[in-house]
Amino acid sequence: MQLSESLQTNSGQNGTDISRNEVTGLCRDGFWLLIGDEEFFIPFADYPAFFHGTVEQIMNFHTIGSIQIHWPGLDIDIELEALRKPQNYPLTFKE
């Protein structure tokens, strides 16, 4: 058996998402978020709802499809496109 055949046979199910989604860093100004192969910085100045969140709440998130990120403990949703092209999505917050 050739190596390429072995890799194809043992690589798992087709369509299985093996990309990692995680918070990779946290500092006083915000946090870094890795979604697949893209990394974003989420500044607290632009997203103040995260500022009062706990580390656990910030780290506990999931993606909704391939377009949205949700933090259930903070009731926050951000569309990936807003992180990719923030100039197209002016931020407004209501308290």
N, C-alpha and C. Protein backbone atom coordinates (compact mmCIF):
# COMPACT_ATOMS: atom_id res chain seq x y z
N MET A 1 0.85 -1.18 0.00
CA MET A 1 0.00 0.00 0.00
C MET A 1 0.89 1.24 0.00
N GLN A 2 0.57 2.20 -0.82
CA GLN A 2 1.34 3.44 -0.89
C GLN A 2 0.93 4.36 0.26
N LEU A 3 1.81 5.27 0.62
CA LEU A 3 1.55 6.21 1.70
C LEU A 3 0.28 7.01 1.45
N SER A 4 0.07 7.48 0.22
CA SER A 4 -1.11 8.28 -0.08
C SER A 4 -2.39 7.48 0.13
N GLU A 5 -2.36 6.19 -0.18
CA GLU A 5 -3.54 5.34 0.06
C GLU A 5 -3.77 5.19 1.56
N SER A 6 -2.71 5.01 2.31
CA SER A 6 -2.83 4.87 3.76
C SER A 6 -3.44 6.12 4.39
N LEU A 7 -2.99 7.29 3.94
CA LEU A 7 -3.53 8.54 4.47
C LEU A 7 -5.00 8.69 4.14
N GLN A 8 -5.37 8.32 2.93
CA GLN A 8 -6.76 8.43 2.54
C GLN A 8 -7.63 7.48 3.36
N THR A 9 -7.14 6.31 3.63
CA THR A 9 -7.94 5.32 4.35
C THR A 9 -8.08 5.66 5.82
N ASN A 10 -7.06 6.25 6.40
CA ASN A 10 -7.06 6.49 7.85
C ASN A 10 -7.34 7.94 8.23
N SER A 11 -7.77 8.76 7.32
CA SER A 11 -7.93 10.17 7.63
C SER A 11 -9.27 10.51 8.28
N GLY A 12 -10.12 9.55 8.56
CA GLY A 12 -11.40 9.83 9.20
C GLY A 12 -12.51 9.99 8.19
N GLN A 13 -13.67 10.38 8.70
CA GLN A 13 -14.83 10.55 7.83
C GLN A 13 -14.65 11.73 6.91
N ASN A 14 -15.22 11.61 5.71
CA ASN A 14 -15.25 12.76 4.82
C ASN A 14 -16.15 13.82 5.43
N GLY A 15 -15.71 15.07 5.32
CA GLY A 15 -16.54 16.16 5.81
C GLY A 15 -16.38 16.45 7.29
N THR A 16 -15.53 15.73 7.99
CA THR A 16 -15.32 15.98 9.40
C THR A 16 -14.50 17.24 9.56
N ASP A 17 -14.98 18.18 10.38
CA ASP A 17 -14.27 19.42 10.61
C ASP A 17 -13.24 19.21 11.70
N ILE A 18 -11.96 19.28 11.32
CA ILE A 18 -10.91 19.08 12.30
C ILE A 18 -10.20 20.39 12.64
N SER A 19 -10.71 21.51 12.14
CA SER A 19 -10.10 22.79 12.45
C SER A 19 -10.37 23.15 13.90
N ARG A 20 -9.46 23.91 14.47
CA ARG A 20 -9.57 24.28 15.87
C ARG A 20 -10.18 25.66 16.00
N ASN A 21 -11.08 25.80 16.92
CA ASN A 21 -11.65 27.09 17.28
C ASN A 21 -11.34 27.30 18.75
N GLU A 22 -10.60 28.37 19.06
CA GLU A 22 -10.23 28.59 20.45
C GLU A 22 -9.79 30.03 20.68
N VAL A 23 -9.86 30.43 21.93
CA VAL A 23 -9.26 31.69 22.36
C VAL A 23 -7.79 31.39 22.57
N THR A 24 -6.92 32.11 21.86
CA THR A 24 -5.49 31.82 21.93
C THR A 24 -4.73 32.77 22.83
N GLY A 25 -5.36 33.85 23.24
CA GLY A 25 -4.69 34.80 24.12
C GLY A 25 -5.68 35.80 24.68
N LEU A 26 -5.36 36.32 25.85
CA LEU A 26 -6.23 37.28 26.53
C LEU A 26 -5.33 38.31 27.20
N CYS A 27 -5.66 39.58 27.03
CA CYS A 27 -4.89 40.64 27.68
C CYS A 27 -5.86 41.72 28.14
N ARG A 28 -5.34 42.77 28.72
CA ARG A 28 -6.22 43.82 29.27
C ARG A 28 -7.00 44.56 28.18
N ASP A 29 -6.53 44.50 26.93
CA ASP A 29 -7.19 45.23 25.84
C ASP A 29 -8.16 44.40 25.02
N GLY A 30 -8.13 43.06 25.17
CA GLY A 30 -9.01 42.21 24.39
C GLY A 30 -8.50 40.79 24.37
N PHE A 31 -8.92 40.05 23.35
CA PHE A 31 -8.49 38.66 23.23
C PHE A 31 -8.36 38.26 21.78
N TRP A 32 -7.56 37.20 21.55
CA TRP A 32 -7.35 36.64 20.22
C TRP A 32 -8.19 35.40 20.08
N LEU A 33 -8.83 35.29 18.94
CA LEU A 33 -9.75 34.20 18.67
C LEU A 33 -9.32 33.50 17.39
N LEU A 34 -9.07 32.20 17.47
CA LEU A 34 -8.70 31.40 16.31
C LEU A 34 -9.93 30.64 15.84
N ILE A 35 -10.33 30.89 14.61
CA ILE A 35 -11.46 30.19 13.98
C ILE A 35 -10.91 29.55 12.72
N GLY A 36 -10.78 28.23 12.74
CA GLY A 36 -10.18 27.53 11.61
C GLY A 36 -8.74 27.97 11.44
N ASP A 37 -8.44 28.55 10.29
CA ASP A 37 -7.08 29.03 10.05
C ASP A 37 -6.99 30.56 10.09
N GLU A 38 -8.01 31.22 10.63
CA GLU A 38 -8.02 32.68 10.74
C GLU A 38 -7.96 33.07 12.22
N GLU A 39 -7.14 34.08 12.52
CA GLU A 39 -7.06 34.58 13.89
C GLU A 39 -7.47 36.04 13.90
N PHE A 40 -8.29 36.39 14.89
CA PHE A 40 -8.84 37.73 15.01
C PHE A 40 -8.54 38.27 16.40
N PHE A 41 -8.33 39.58 16.49
CA PHE A 41 -8.22 40.23 17.79
C PHE A 41 -9.55 40.92 18.06
N ILE A 42 -10.14 40.63 19.21
CA ILE A 42 -11.41 41.23 19.62
C ILE A 42 -11.10 42.25 20.71
N PRO A 43 -11.04 43.55 20.36
CA PRO A 43 -10.71 44.56 21.37
C PRO A 43 -11.92 44.88 22.25
N PHE A 44 -11.66 45.00 23.55
CA PHE A 44 -12.74 45.36 24.48
C PHE A 44 -13.30 46.74 24.16
N ALA A 45 -12.49 47.62 23.60
CA ALA A 45 -12.97 48.96 23.24
C ALA A 45 -14.07 48.88 22.18
N ASP A 46 -13.96 47.91 21.26
CA ASP A 46 -14.97 47.76 20.21
C ASP A 46 -16.11 46.84 20.63
N TYR A 47 -15.83 45.93 21.55
CA TYR A 47 -16.83 44.97 22.02
C TYR A 47 -16.87 45.00 23.55
N PRO A 48 -17.40 46.08 24.13
CA PRO A 48 -17.35 46.26 25.58
C PRO A 48 -18.13 45.22 26.39
N ALA A 49 -19.05 44.52 25.77
CA ALA A 49 -19.80 43.49 26.49
C ALA A 49 -18.89 42.38 27.00
N PHE A 50 -17.75 42.18 26.37
CA PHE A 50 -16.80 41.16 26.82
C PHE A 50 -15.99 41.61 28.03
N PHE A 51 -15.86 42.92 28.25
CA PHE A 51 -14.98 43.45 29.27
C PHE A 51 -15.32 42.92 30.67
N HIS A 52 -16.58 42.78 30.96
CA HIS A 52 -16.99 42.31 32.29
C HIS A 52 -17.21 40.81 32.34
N GLY A 53 -16.97 40.13 31.23
CA GLY A 53 -17.10 38.68 31.21
C GLY A 53 -15.93 38.01 31.92
N THR A 54 -16.17 36.83 32.43
CA THR A 54 -15.10 36.07 33.05
C THR A 54 -14.27 35.39 31.96
N VAL A 55 -13.09 34.94 32.34
CA VAL A 55 -12.26 34.19 31.39
C VAL A 55 -13.03 32.98 30.90
N GLU A 56 -13.71 32.29 31.80
CA GLU A 56 -14.49 31.11 31.42
C GLU A 56 -15.57 31.47 30.40
N GLN A 57 -16.27 32.58 30.61
CA GLN A 57 -17.32 32.98 29.68
C GLN A 57 -16.76 33.34 28.31
N ILE A 58 -15.61 34.00 28.28
CA ILE A 58 -14.99 34.37 27.01
C ILE A 58 -14.50 33.13 26.27
N MET A 59 -13.96 32.17 27.00
CA MET A 59 -13.42 30.98 26.35
C MET A 59 -14.50 29.99 25.92
N ASN A 60 -15.70 30.12 26.46
CA ASN A 60 -16.79 29.21 26.14
C ASN A 60 -17.63 29.79 25.00
N PHE A 61 -17.31 29.39 23.78
CA PHE A 61 -18.04 29.85 22.61
C PHE A 61 -18.18 28.71 21.62
N HIS A 62 -19.05 28.89 20.66
CA HIS A 62 -19.16 27.92 19.57
C HIS A 62 -19.55 28.67 18.29
N THR A 63 -19.28 28.03 17.18
CA THR A 63 -19.66 28.62 15.91
C THR A 63 -21.05 28.13 15.51
N ILE A 64 -21.76 28.99 14.83
CA ILE A 64 -23.06 28.63 14.28
C ILE A 64 -22.87 28.60 12.77
N GLY A 65 -22.85 27.40 12.24
CA GLY A 65 -22.53 27.25 10.82
C GLY A 65 -21.14 27.77 10.57
N SER A 66 -20.93 28.38 9.45
CA SER A 66 -19.62 28.94 9.13
C SER A 66 -19.66 30.46 9.12
N ILE A 67 -20.73 31.04 9.71
CA ILE A 67 -20.85 32.49 9.59
C ILE A 67 -20.93 33.24 10.91
N GLN A 68 -21.15 32.56 12.01
CA GLN A 68 -21.41 33.28 13.26
C GLN A 68 -20.73 32.60 14.44
N ILE A 69 -20.36 33.41 15.45
CA ILE A 69 -19.78 32.91 16.69
C ILE A 69 -20.72 33.32 17.81
N HIS A 70 -20.95 32.41 18.75
CA HIS A 70 -21.88 32.68 19.85
C HIS A 70 -21.23 32.35 21.19
N TRP A 71 -21.36 33.28 22.14
CA TRP A 71 -20.92 33.09 23.51
C TRP A 71 -22.17 32.97 24.38
N PRO A 72 -22.59 31.75 24.73
CA PRO A 72 -23.85 31.57 25.46
C PRO A 72 -23.86 32.22 26.84
N GLY A 73 -22.75 32.18 27.56
CA GLY A 73 -22.72 32.76 28.90
C GLY A 73 -22.79 34.27 28.91
N LEU A 74 -22.50 34.90 27.79
CA LEU A 74 -22.55 36.35 27.68
C LEU A 74 -23.67 36.83 26.77
N ASP A 75 -24.35 35.91 26.11
CA ASP A 75 -25.41 36.22 25.15
C ASP A 75 -24.90 37.19 24.07
N ILE A 76 -23.74 36.85 23.50
CA ILE A 76 -23.11 37.68 22.47
C ILE A 76 -22.96 36.85 21.20
N ASP A 77 -23.28 37.47 20.08
CA ASP A 77 -23.07 36.88 18.75
C ASP A 77 -22.28 37.85 17.90
N ILE A 78 -21.31 37.32 17.16
CA ILE A 78 -20.55 38.14 16.20
C ILE A 78 -20.49 37.36 14.89
N GLU A 79 -20.79 38.05 13.82
CA GLU A 79 -20.66 37.43 12.51
C GLU A 79 -19.19 37.46 12.09
N LEU A 80 -18.71 36.37 11.52
CA LEU A 80 -17.32 36.30 11.08
C LEU A 80 -16.98 37.38 10.07
N GLU A 81 -17.91 37.72 9.22
CA GLU A 81 -17.65 38.74 8.21
C GLU A 81 -17.37 40.10 8.86
N ALA A 82 -17.98 40.36 10.02
CA ALA A 82 -17.72 41.61 10.74
C ALA A 82 -16.29 41.64 11.28
N LEU A 83 -15.73 40.48 11.59
CA LEU A 83 -14.34 40.42 12.04
C LEU A 83 -13.38 40.50 10.86
N ARG A 84 -13.78 39.92 9.74
CA ARG A 84 -12.93 39.95 8.54
C ARG A 84 -12.87 41.34 7.92
N LYS A 85 -14.00 42.03 7.91
CA LYS A 85 -14.10 43.35 7.26
C LYS A 85 -14.82 44.33 8.19
N PRO A 86 -14.18 44.71 9.29
CA PRO A 86 -14.86 45.58 10.27
C PRO A 86 -15.28 46.93 9.69
N GLN A 87 -14.59 47.40 8.67
CA GLN A 87 -14.95 48.68 8.07
C GLN A 87 -16.35 48.65 7.46
N ASN A 88 -16.86 47.49 7.14
CA ASN A 88 -18.20 47.37 6.56
C ASN A 88 -19.29 47.23 7.61
N TYR A 89 -18.90 47.14 8.90
CA TYR A 89 -19.85 46.93 9.97
C TYR A 89 -19.60 47.90 11.11
N PRO A 90 -20.13 49.13 10.98
CA PRO A 90 -19.93 50.09 12.07
C PRO A 90 -20.57 49.57 13.35
N LEU A 91 -19.86 49.74 14.45
CA LEU A 91 -20.34 49.21 15.73
C LEU A 91 -21.21 50.24 16.45
N THR A 92 -22.35 49.81 16.92
CA THR A 92 -23.20 50.62 17.77
C THR A 92 -23.70 49.75 18.90
N PHE A 93 -23.66 50.29 20.11
CA PHE A 93 -24.07 49.52 21.28
C PHE A 93 -25.18 50.24 22.01
N LYS A 94 -26.09 49.45 22.55
CA LYS A 94 -27.19 49.98 23.35
C LYS A 94 -27.07 49.38 24.74
N GLU A 95 -27.26 50.19 25.75
CA GLU A 95 -27.22 49.67 27.12
C GLU A 95 -28.58 49.70 27.74
